[in-house]
Amino acid sequence: MKDLATLKSIPVRKIWQNEAKHFTPWLEKNASLLFEEIGITAENIKREKRVGRYFVDITAEESQTQKKIIVENQLERTDHDHLGKLLTYA
């Protein structure tokens, strides 16, 4: 018989204290899980690509169309800084 576990909610900052140092590297390694969940097959997944004076958290290409994918990750509530960066990257 398999053991069962209980899921419990914990603060996201308990796992990833710093977005750039902890969460972004984790997301790069696990980006395929995110893309799979939203129905995208991606390749050339990279972290911290320079765009002007900013760095895109995660970039990739959609496998069939080669369209560029940009992920601006964020652990907290949305704000003008992250949204502004996305608009700049586009």
PDB file of N, CA and C in Angstrom:
ATOM      1  N   MET A   1       0.839  -1.178   0.000  1.00  0.00           N
ATOM      2  CA  MET A   1       0.000   0.000   0.000  1.00  0.00           C
ATOM      3  C   MET A   1       0.892   1.253   0.000  1.00  0.00           C
ATOM      4  N   LYS A   2       0.490   2.266  -0.779  1.00  0.00           N
ATOM      5  CA  LYS A   2       1.257   3.505  -0.850  1.00  0.00           C
ATOM      6  C   LYS A   2       0.901   4.427   0.308  1.00  0.00           C
ATOM      7  N   ASP A   3       1.912   5.150   0.778  1.00  0.00           N
ATOM      8  CA  ASP A   3       1.679   6.146   1.821  1.00  0.00           C
ATOM      9  C   ASP A   3       1.053   7.384   1.190  1.00  0.00           C
ATOM     10  N   LEU A   4       0.173   8.017   1.914  1.00  0.00           N
ATOM     11  CA  LEU A   4      -0.429   9.266   1.475  1.00  0.00           C
ATOM     12  C   LEU A   4       0.198  10.414   2.242  1.00  0.00           C
ATOM     13  N   ALA A   5       0.225  11.559   1.605  1.00  0.00           N
ATOM     14  CA  ALA A   5       0.768  12.750   2.247  1.00  0.00           C
ATOM     15  C   ALA A   5      -0.305  13.833   2.248  1.00  0.00           C
ATOM     16  N   THR A   6      -0.142  14.780   3.114  1.00  0.00           N
ATOM     17  CA  THR A   6      -1.067  15.899   3.199  1.00  0.00           C
ATOM     18  C   THR A   6      -0.394  17.137   2.633  1.00  0.00           C
ATOM     19  N   LEU A   7      -1.090  17.815   1.735  1.00  0.00           N
ATOM     20  CA  LEU A   7      -0.577  19.072   1.208  1.00  0.00           C
ATOM     21  C   LEU A   7      -0.903  20.182   2.189  1.00  0.00           C
ATOM     22  N   LYS A   8       0.033  21.088   2.365  1.00  0.00           N
ATOM     23  CA  LYS A   8      -0.263  22.239   3.204  1.00  0.00           C
ATOM     24  C   LYS A   8       0.295  23.483   2.545  1.00  0.00           C
ATOM     25  N   SER A   9      -0.370  24.571   2.781  1.00  0.00           N
ATOM     26  CA  SER A   9       0.019  25.847   2.207  1.00  0.00           C
ATOM     27  C   SER A   9       1.140  26.468   3.042  1.00  0.00           C
ATOM     28  N   ILE A  10       2.175  26.939   2.357  1.00  0.00           N
ATOM     29  CA  ILE A  10       3.269  27.639   3.036  1.00  0.00           C
ATOM     30  C   ILE A  10       3.582  28.908   2.252  1.00  0.00           C
ATOM     31  N   PRO A  11       4.130  29.913   2.902  1.00  0.00           N
ATOM     32  CA  PRO A  11       4.483  31.142   2.193  1.00  0.00           C
ATOM     33  C   PRO A  11       5.523  30.856   1.105  1.00  0.00           C
ATOM     34  N   VAL A  12       5.293  31.412  -0.082  1.00  0.00           N
ATOM     35  CA  VAL A  12       6.190  31.174  -1.212  1.00  0.00           C
ATOM     36  C   VAL A  12       7.626  31.615  -0.894  1.00  0.00           C
ATOM     37  N   ARG A  13       7.780  32.664  -0.097  1.00  0.00           N
ATOM     38  CA  ARG A  13       9.118  33.157   0.260  1.00  0.00           C
ATOM     39  C   ARG A  13       9.862  32.202   1.195  1.00  0.00           C
ATOM     40  N   LYS A  14       9.177  31.252   1.773  1.00  0.00           N
ATOM     41  CA  LYS A  14       9.853  30.259   2.605  1.00  0.00           C
ATOM     42  C   LYS A  14      10.689  29.315   1.729  1.00  0.00           C
ATOM     43  N   ILE A  15      10.236  29.090   0.500  1.00  0.00           N
ATOM     44  CA  ILE A  15      10.947  28.234  -0.446  1.00  0.00           C
ATOM     45  C   ILE A  15      11.946  29.045  -1.264  1.00  0.00           C
ATOM     46  N   TRP A  16      11.492  30.153  -1.814  1.00  0.00           N
ATOM     47  CA  TRP A  16      12.335  31.004  -2.661  1.00  0.00           C
ATOM     48  C   TRP A  16      12.453  32.376  -1.996  1.00  0.00           C
ATOM     49  N   GLN A  17      13.496  32.572  -1.213  1.00  0.00           N
ATOM     50  CA  GLN A  17      13.658  33.826  -0.481  1.00  0.00           C
ATOM     51  C   GLN A  17      13.901  35.008  -1.419  1.00  0.00           C
ATOM     52  N   ASN A  18      14.607  34.776  -2.512  1.00  0.00           N
ATOM     53  CA  ASN A  18      14.951  35.841  -3.446  1.00  0.00           C
ATOM     54  C   ASN A  18      14.519  35.420  -4.844  1.00  0.00           C
ATOM     55  N   GLU A  19      13.752  36.276  -5.486  1.00  0.00           N
ATOM     56  CA  GLU A  19      13.221  35.947  -6.812  1.00  0.00           C
ATOM     57  C   GLU A  19      14.330  35.660  -7.823  1.00  0.00           C
ATOM     58  N   ALA A  20      15.301  36.559  -7.930  1.00  0.00           N
ATOM     59  CA  ALA A  20      16.362  36.411  -8.935  1.00  0.00           C
ATOM     60  C   ALA A  20      17.336  35.273  -8.617  1.00  0.00           C
ATOM     61  N   LYS A  21      17.703  35.139  -7.346  1.00  0.00           N
ATOM     62  CA  LYS A  21      18.720  34.138  -6.978  1.00  0.00           C
ATOM     63  C   LYS A  21      18.159  32.735  -6.795  1.00  0.00           C
ATOM     64  N   HIS A  22      16.913  32.628  -6.374  1.00  0.00           N
ATOM     65  CA  HIS A  22      16.357  31.315  -6.046  1.00  0.00           C
ATOM     66  C   HIS A  22      15.249  30.863  -7.000  1.00  0.00           C
ATOM     67  N   PHE A  23      14.263  31.743  -7.234  1.00  0.00           N
ATOM     68  CA  PHE A  23      13.114  31.332  -8.032  1.00  0.00           C
ATOM     69  C   PHE A  23      13.433  31.237  -9.523  1.00  0.00           C
ATOM     70  N   THR A  24      14.126  32.224 -10.079  1.00  0.00           N
ATOM     71  CA  THR A  24      14.414  32.207 -11.514  1.00  0.00           C
ATOM     72  C   THR A  24      15.230  30.987 -11.926  1.00  0.00           C
ATOM     73  N   PRO A  25      16.306  30.622 -11.211  1.00  0.00           N
ATOM     74  CA  PRO A  25      17.026  29.393 -11.585  1.00  0.00           C
ATOM     75  C   PRO A  25      16.143  28.143 -11.492  1.00  0.00           C
ATOM     76  N   TRP A  26      15.297  28.080 -10.462  1.00  0.00           N
ATOM     77  CA  TRP A  26      14.391  26.933 -10.336  1.00  0.00           C
ATOM     78  C   TRP A  26      13.421  26.892 -11.511  1.00  0.00           C
ATOM     79  N   LEU A  27      12.881  28.063 -11.876  1.00  0.00           N
ATOM     80  CA  LEU A  27      11.925  28.122 -12.974  1.00  0.00           C
ATOM     81  C   LEU A  27      12.581  27.740 -14.299  1.00  0.00           C
ATOM     82  N   GLU A  28      13.820  28.155 -14.491  1.00  0.00           N
ATOM     83  CA  GLU A  28      14.531  27.773 -15.723  1.00  0.00           C
ATOM     84  C   GLU A  28      14.617  26.247 -15.832  1.00  0.00           C
ATOM     85  N   LYS A  29      14.971  25.602 -14.747  1.00  0.00           N
ATOM     86  CA  LYS A  29      15.095  24.135 -14.747  1.00  0.00           C
ATOM     87  C   LYS A  29      13.750  23.441 -14.941  1.00  0.00           C
ATOM     88  N   ASN A  30      12.672  24.087 -14.516  1.00  0.00           N
ATOM     89  CA  ASN A  30      11.347  23.466 -14.548  1.00  0.00           C
ATOM     90  C   ASN A  30      10.380  24.144 -15.518  1.00  0.00           C
ATOM     91  N   ALA A  31      10.907  24.975 -16.407  1.00  0.00           N
ATOM     92  CA  ALA A  31      10.050  25.724 -17.336  1.00  0.00           C
ATOM     93  C   ALA A  31       9.206  24.805 -18.207  1.00  0.00           C
ATOM     94  N   SER A  32       9.739  23.660 -18.560  1.00  0.00           N
ATOM     95  CA  SER A  32       8.975  22.742 -19.409  1.00  0.00           C
ATOM     96  C   SER A  32       7.668  22.316 -18.727  1.00  0.00           C
ATOM     97  N   LEU A  33       7.666  22.230 -17.400  1.00  0.00           N
ATOM     98  CA  LEU A  33       6.431  21.900 -16.672  1.00  0.00           C
ATOM     99  C   LEU A  33       5.391  23.011 -16.825  1.00  0.00           C
ATOM    100  N   LEU A  34       5.848  24.260 -16.741  1.00  0.00           N
ATOM    101  CA  LEU A  34       4.955  25.403 -16.923  1.00  0.00           C
ATOM    102  C   LEU A  34       4.394  25.407 -18.339  1.00  0.00           C
ATOM    103  N   PHE A  35       5.274  25.269 -19.322  1.00  0.00           N
ATOM    104  CA  PHE A  35       4.834  25.299 -20.712  1.00  0.00           C
ATOM    105  C   PHE A  35       3.883  24.142 -21.017  1.00  0.00           C
ATOM    106  N   GLU A  36       4.179  22.977 -20.492  1.00  0.00           N
ATOM    107  CA  GLU A  36       3.307  21.816 -20.695  1.00  0.00           C
ATOM    108  C   GLU A  36       1.918  22.081 -20.114  1.00  0.00           C
ATOM    109  N   GLU A  37       1.880  22.694 -18.950  1.00  0.00           N
ATOM    110  CA  GLU A  37       0.604  22.972 -18.282  1.00  0.00           C
ATOM    111  C   GLU A  37      -0.274  23.916 -19.101  1.00  0.00           C
ATOM    112  N   ILE A  38       0.346  24.845 -19.838  1.00  0.00           N
ATOM    113  CA  ILE A  38      -0.446  25.785 -20.644  1.00  0.00           C
ATOM    114  C   ILE A  38      -0.504  25.378 -22.117  1.00  0.00           C
ATOM    115  N   GLY A  39      -0.026  24.171 -22.426  1.00  0.00           N
ATOM    116  CA  GLY A  39      -0.178  23.625 -23.766  1.00  0.00           C
ATOM    117  C   GLY A  39       0.819  24.112 -24.794  1.00  0.00           C
ATOM    118  N   ILE A  40       2.021  24.457 -24.353  1.00  0.00           N
ATOM    119  CA  ILE A  40       3.068  24.933 -25.262  1.00  0.00           C
ATOM    120  C   ILE A  40       4.249  23.975 -25.220  1.00  0.00           C
ATOM    121  N   THR A  41       4.787  23.672 -26.395  1.00  0.00           N
ATOM    122  CA  THR A  41       6.029  22.912 -26.464  1.00  0.00           C
ATOM    123  C   THR A  41       7.136  23.917 -26.764  1.00  0.00           C
ATOM    124  N   ALA A  42       8.092  24.053 -25.856  1.00  0.00           N
ATOM    125  CA  ALA A  42       9.120  25.083 -25.988  1.00  0.00           C
ATOM    126  C   ALA A  42      10.507  24.474 -26.051  1.00  0.00           C
ATOM    127  N   GLU A  43      11.426  25.225 -26.643  1.00  0.00           N
ATOM    128  CA  GLU A  43      12.828  24.824 -26.718  1.00  0.00           C
ATOM    129  C   GLU A  43      13.696  26.060 -26.536  1.00  0.00           C
ATOM    130  N   ASN A  44      14.991  25.860 -26.474  1.00  0.00           N
ATOM    131  CA  ASN A  44      15.957  26.958 -26.272  1.00  0.00           C
ATOM    132  C   ASN A  44      15.594  27.812 -25.054  1.00  0.00           C
ATOM    133  N   ILE A  45      15.294  27.159 -23.953  1.00  0.00           N
ATOM    134  CA  ILE A  45      14.923  27.857 -22.720  1.00  0.00           C
ATOM    135  C   ILE A  45      16.183  28.441 -22.089  1.00  0.00           C
ATOM    136  N   LYS A  46      16.169  29.762 -21.883  1.00  0.00           N
ATOM    137  CA  LYS A  46      17.343  30.447 -21.330  1.00  0.00           C
ATOM    138  C   LYS A  46      16.908  31.413 -20.246  1.00  0.00           C
ATOM    139  N   ARG A  47      17.874  31.744 -19.397  1.00  0.00           N
ATOM    140  CA  ARG A  47      17.622  32.636 -18.265  1.00  0.00           C
ATOM    141  C   ARG A  47      18.436  33.911 -18.409  1.00  0.00           C
ATOM    142  N   GLU A  48      17.842  35.026 -17.994  1.00  0.00           N
ATOM    143  CA  GLU A  48      18.517  36.328 -17.907  1.00  0.00           C
ATOM    144  C   GLU A  48      19.121  36.786 -19.237  1.00  0.00           C
ATOM    145  N   LYS A  49      18.291  36.852 -20.273  1.00  0.00           N
ATOM    146  CA  LYS A  49      18.745  37.350 -21.574  1.00  0.00           C
ATOM    147  C   LYS A  49      18.620  38.870 -21.586  1.00  0.00           C
ATOM    148  N   ARG A  50      19.675  39.543 -22.024  1.00  0.00           N
ATOM    149  CA  ARG A  50      19.683  41.010 -22.042  1.00  0.00           C
ATOM    150  C   ARG A  50      18.771  41.539 -23.143  1.00  0.00           C
ATOM    151  N   VAL A  51      17.940  42.519 -22.756  1.00  0.00           N
ATOM    152  CA  VAL A  51      17.105  43.260 -23.697  1.00  0.00           C
ATOM    153  C   VAL A  51      17.265  44.723 -23.324  1.00  0.00           C
ATOM    154  N   GLY A  52      18.080  45.439 -24.088  1.00  0.00           N
ATOM    155  CA  GLY A  52      18.373  46.831 -23.743  1.00  0.00           C
ATOM    156  C   GLY A  52      19.086  46.892 -22.413  1.00  0.00           C
ATOM    157  N   ARG A  53      18.537  47.657 -21.478  1.00  0.00           N
ATOM    158  CA  ARG A  53      19.172  47.760 -20.157  1.00  0.00           C
ATOM    159  C   ARG A  53      18.568  46.798 -19.137  1.00  0.00           C
ATOM    160  N   TYR A  54      17.656  45.934 -19.582  1.00  0.00           N
ATOM    161  CA  TYR A  54      17.004  44.969 -18.701  1.00  0.00           C
ATOM    162  C   TYR A  54      17.414  43.541 -19.049  1.00  0.00           C
ATOM    163  N   PHE A  55      17.045  42.623 -18.185  1.00  0.00           N
ATOM    164  CA  PHE A  55      17.269  41.201 -18.429  1.00  0.00           C
ATOM    165  C   PHE A  55      15.933  40.471 -18.309  1.00  0.00           C
ATOM    166  N   VAL A  56      15.570  39.738 -19.362  1.00  0.00           N
ATOM    167  CA  VAL A  56      14.349  38.930 -19.342  1.00  0.00           C
ATOM    168  C   VAL A  56      14.608  37.727 -18.444  1.00  0.00           C
ATOM    169  N   ASP A  57      13.686  37.434 -17.533  1.00  0.00           N
ATOM    170  CA  ASP A  57      13.874  36.311 -16.610  1.00  0.00           C
ATOM    171  C   ASP A  57      14.058  34.998 -17.359  1.00  0.00           C
ATOM    172  N   ILE A  58      13.115  34.651 -18.214  1.00  0.00           N
ATOM    173  CA  ILE A  58      13.170  33.400 -18.971  1.00  0.00           C
ATOM    174  C   ILE A  58      12.749  33.690 -20.412  1.00  0.00           C
ATOM    175  N   THR A  59      13.527  33.184 -21.374  1.00  0.00           N
ATOM    176  CA  THR A  59      13.131  33.236 -22.779  1.00  0.00           C
ATOM    177  C   THR A  59      13.113  31.816 -23.326  1.00  0.00           C
ATOM    178  N   ALA A  60      12.320  31.626 -24.357  1.00  0.00           N
ATOM    179  CA  ALA A  60      12.240  30.325 -25.023  1.00  0.00           C
ATOM    180  C   ALA A  60      11.659  30.554 -26.411  1.00  0.00           C
ATOM    181  N   GLU A  61      11.590  29.479 -27.182  1.00  0.00           N
ATOM    182  CA  GLU A  61      10.940  29.521 -28.489  1.00  0.00           C
ATOM    183  C   GLU A  61       9.897  28.418 -28.547  1.00  0.00           C
ATOM    184  N   GLU A  62       8.747  28.744 -29.115  1.00  0.00           N
ATOM    185  CA  GLU A  62       7.711  27.741 -29.317  1.00  0.00           C
ATOM    186  C   GLU A  62       8.224  26.786 -30.392  1.00  0.00           C
ATOM    187  N   SER A  63       8.200  25.514 -30.121  1.00  0.00           N
ATOM    188  CA  SER A  63       8.862  24.516 -30.961  1.00  0.00           C
ATOM    189  C   SER A  63       8.385  24.492 -32.406  1.00  0.00           C
ATOM    190  N   GLN A  64       7.101  24.590 -32.645  1.00  0.00           N
ATOM    191  CA  GLN A  64       6.597  24.460 -34.010  1.00  0.00           C
ATOM    192  C   GLN A  64       6.675  25.746 -34.810  1.00  0.00           C
ATOM    193  N   THR A  65       6.469  26.886 -34.167  1.00  0.00           N
ATOM    194  CA  THR A  65       6.408  28.157 -34.898  1.00  0.00           C
ATOM    195  C   THR A  65       7.665  29.007 -34.742  1.00  0.00           C
ATOM    196  N   GLN A  66       8.515  28.656 -33.783  1.00  0.00           N
ATOM    197  CA  GLN A  66       9.711  29.433 -33.440  1.00  0.00           C
ATOM    198  C   GLN A  66       9.378  30.822 -32.890  1.00  0.00           C
ATOM    199  N   LYS A  67       8.117  31.048 -32.502  1.00  0.00           N
ATOM    200  CA  LYS A  67       7.752  32.325 -31.884  1.00  0.00           C
ATOM    201  C   LYS A  67       8.445  32.438 -30.540  1.00  0.00           C
ATOM    202  N   LYS A  68       8.842  33.663 -30.204  1.00  0.00           N
ATOM    203  CA  LYS A  68       9.542  33.907 -28.948  1.00  0.00           C
ATOM    204  C   LYS A  68       8.562  33.896 -27.776  1.00  0.00           C
ATOM    205  N   ILE A  69       9.032  33.335 -26.670  1.00  0.00           N
ATOM    206  CA  ILE A  69       8.267  33.287 -25.424  1.00  0.00           C
ATOM    207  C   ILE A  69       9.063  34.043 -24.372  1.00  0.00           C
ATOM    208  N   ILE A  70       8.399  34.929 -23.660  1.00  0.00           N
ATOM    209  CA  ILE A  70       9.040  35.693 -22.589  1.00  0.00           C
ATOM    210  C   ILE A  70       8.286  35.435 -21.290  1.00  0.00           C
ATOM    211  N   VAL A  71       9.024  35.097 -20.242  1.00  0.00           N
ATOM    212  CA  VAL A  71       8.430  34.913 -18.919  1.00  0.00           C
ATOM    213  C   VAL A  71       9.073  35.931 -17.981  1.00  0.00           C
ATOM    214  N   GLU A  72       8.273  36.824 -17.453  1.00  0.00           N
ATOM    215  CA  GLU A  72       8.725  37.768 -16.427  1.00  0.00           C
ATOM    216  C   GLU A  72       8.139  37.255 -15.123  1.00  0.00           C
ATOM    217  N   ASN A  73       8.943  36.495 -14.381  1.00  0.00           N
ATOM    218  CA  ASN A  73       8.384  35.863 -13.184  1.00  0.00           C
ATOM    219  C   ASN A  73       8.241  36.865 -12.041  1.00  0.00           C
ATOM    220  N   GLN A  74       7.342  36.518 -11.135  1.00  0.00           N
ATOM    221  CA  GLN A  74       7.045  37.415 -10.027  1.00  0.00           C
ATOM    222  C   GLN A  74       6.442  36.607  -8.887  1.00  0.00           C
ATOM    223  N   LEU A  75       6.981  36.769  -7.706  1.00  0.00           N
ATOM    224  CA  LEU A  75       6.497  36.028  -6.542  1.00  0.00           C
ATOM    225  C   LEU A  75       5.418  36.776  -5.762  1.00  0.00           C
ATOM    226  N   GLU A  76       5.328  38.050  -5.969  1.00  0.00           N
ATOM    227  CA  GLU A  76       4.381  38.868  -5.209  1.00  0.00           C
ATOM    228  C   GLU A  76       3.253  39.343  -6.124  1.00  0.00           C
ATOM    229  N   ARG A  77       2.416  40.222  -5.609  1.00  0.00           N
ATOM    230  CA  ARG A  77       1.321  40.791  -6.404  1.00  0.00           C
ATOM    231  C   ARG A  77       1.883  41.541  -7.602  1.00  0.00           C
ATOM    232  N   THR A  78       1.088  41.633  -8.645  1.00  0.00           N
ATOM    233  CA  THR A  78       1.519  42.344  -9.847  1.00  0.00           C
ATOM    234  C   THR A  78       1.797  43.817  -9.527  1.00  0.00           C
ATOM    235  N   ASP A  79       2.727  44.389 -10.266  1.00  0.00           N
ATOM    236  CA  ASP A  79       3.064  45.796 -10.067  1.00  0.00           C
ATOM    237  C   ASP A  79       3.493  46.410 -11.397  1.00  0.00           C
ATOM    238  N   HIS A  80       3.621  47.729 -11.414  1.00  0.00           N
ATOM    239  CA  HIS A  80       3.959  48.422 -12.657  1.00  0.00           C
ATOM    240  C   HIS A  80       5.367  48.090 -13.143  1.00  0.00           C
ATOM    241  N   ASP A  81       6.271  47.739 -12.260  1.00  0.00           N
ATOM    242  CA  ASP A  81       7.644  47.405 -12.653  1.00  0.00           C
ATOM    243  C   ASP A  81       7.664  46.173 -13.554  1.00  0.00           C
ATOM    244  N   HIS A  82       7.044  45.102 -13.119  1.00  0.00           N
ATOM    245  CA  HIS A  82       7.045  43.868 -13.909  1.00  0.00           C
ATOM    246  C   HIS A  82       6.221  44.021 -15.191  1.00  0.00           C
ATOM    247  N   LEU A  83       5.057  44.664 -15.091  1.00  0.00           N
ATOM    248  CA  LEU A  83       4.227  44.881 -16.270  1.00  0.00           C
ATOM    249  C   LEU A  83       4.951  45.777 -17.273  1.00  0.00           C
ATOM    250  N   GLY A  84       5.596  46.826 -16.786  1.00  0.00           N
ATOM    251  CA  GLY A  84       6.348  47.726 -17.660  1.00  0.00           C
ATOM    252  C   GLY A  84       7.469  47.015 -18.397  1.00  0.00           C
ATOM    253  N   LYS A  85       8.154  46.124 -17.707  1.00  0.00           N
ATOM    254  CA  LYS A  85       9.220  45.355 -18.350  1.00  0.00           C
ATOM    255  C   LYS A  85       8.659  44.483 -19.463  1.00  0.00           C
ATOM    256  N   LEU A  86       7.533  43.826 -19.210  1.00  0.00           N
ATOM    257  CA  LEU A  86       6.917  42.992 -20.249  1.00  0.00           C
ATOM    258  C   LEU A  86       6.568  43.812 -21.484  1.00  0.00           C
ATOM    259  N   LEU A  87       6.019  44.996 -21.277  1.00  0.00           N
ATOM    260  CA  LEU A  87       5.690  45.858 -22.409  1.00  0.00           C
ATOM    261  C   LEU A  87       6.949  46.283 -23.156  1.00  0.00           C
ATOM    262  N   THR A  88       8.017  46.559 -22.434  1.00  0.00           N
ATOM    263  CA  THR A  88       9.289  46.928 -23.056  1.00  0.00           C
ATOM    264  C   THR A  88       9.843  45.775 -23.877  1.00  0.00           C
ATOM    265  N   TYR A  89       9.801  44.568 -23.341  1.00  0.00           N
ATOM    266  CA  TYR A  89      10.322  43.400 -24.055  1.00  0.00           C
ATOM    267  C   TYR A  89       9.539  43.121 -25.330  1.00  0.00           C
ATOM    268  N   ALA A  90       8.218  43.380 -25.286  1.00  0.00           N
ATOM    269  CA  ALA A  90       7.373  43.101 -26.453  1.00  0.00           C
ATOM    270  C   ALA A  90       7.754  44.021 -27.590  1.00  0.00           C
TER     271      ALA A  90
END
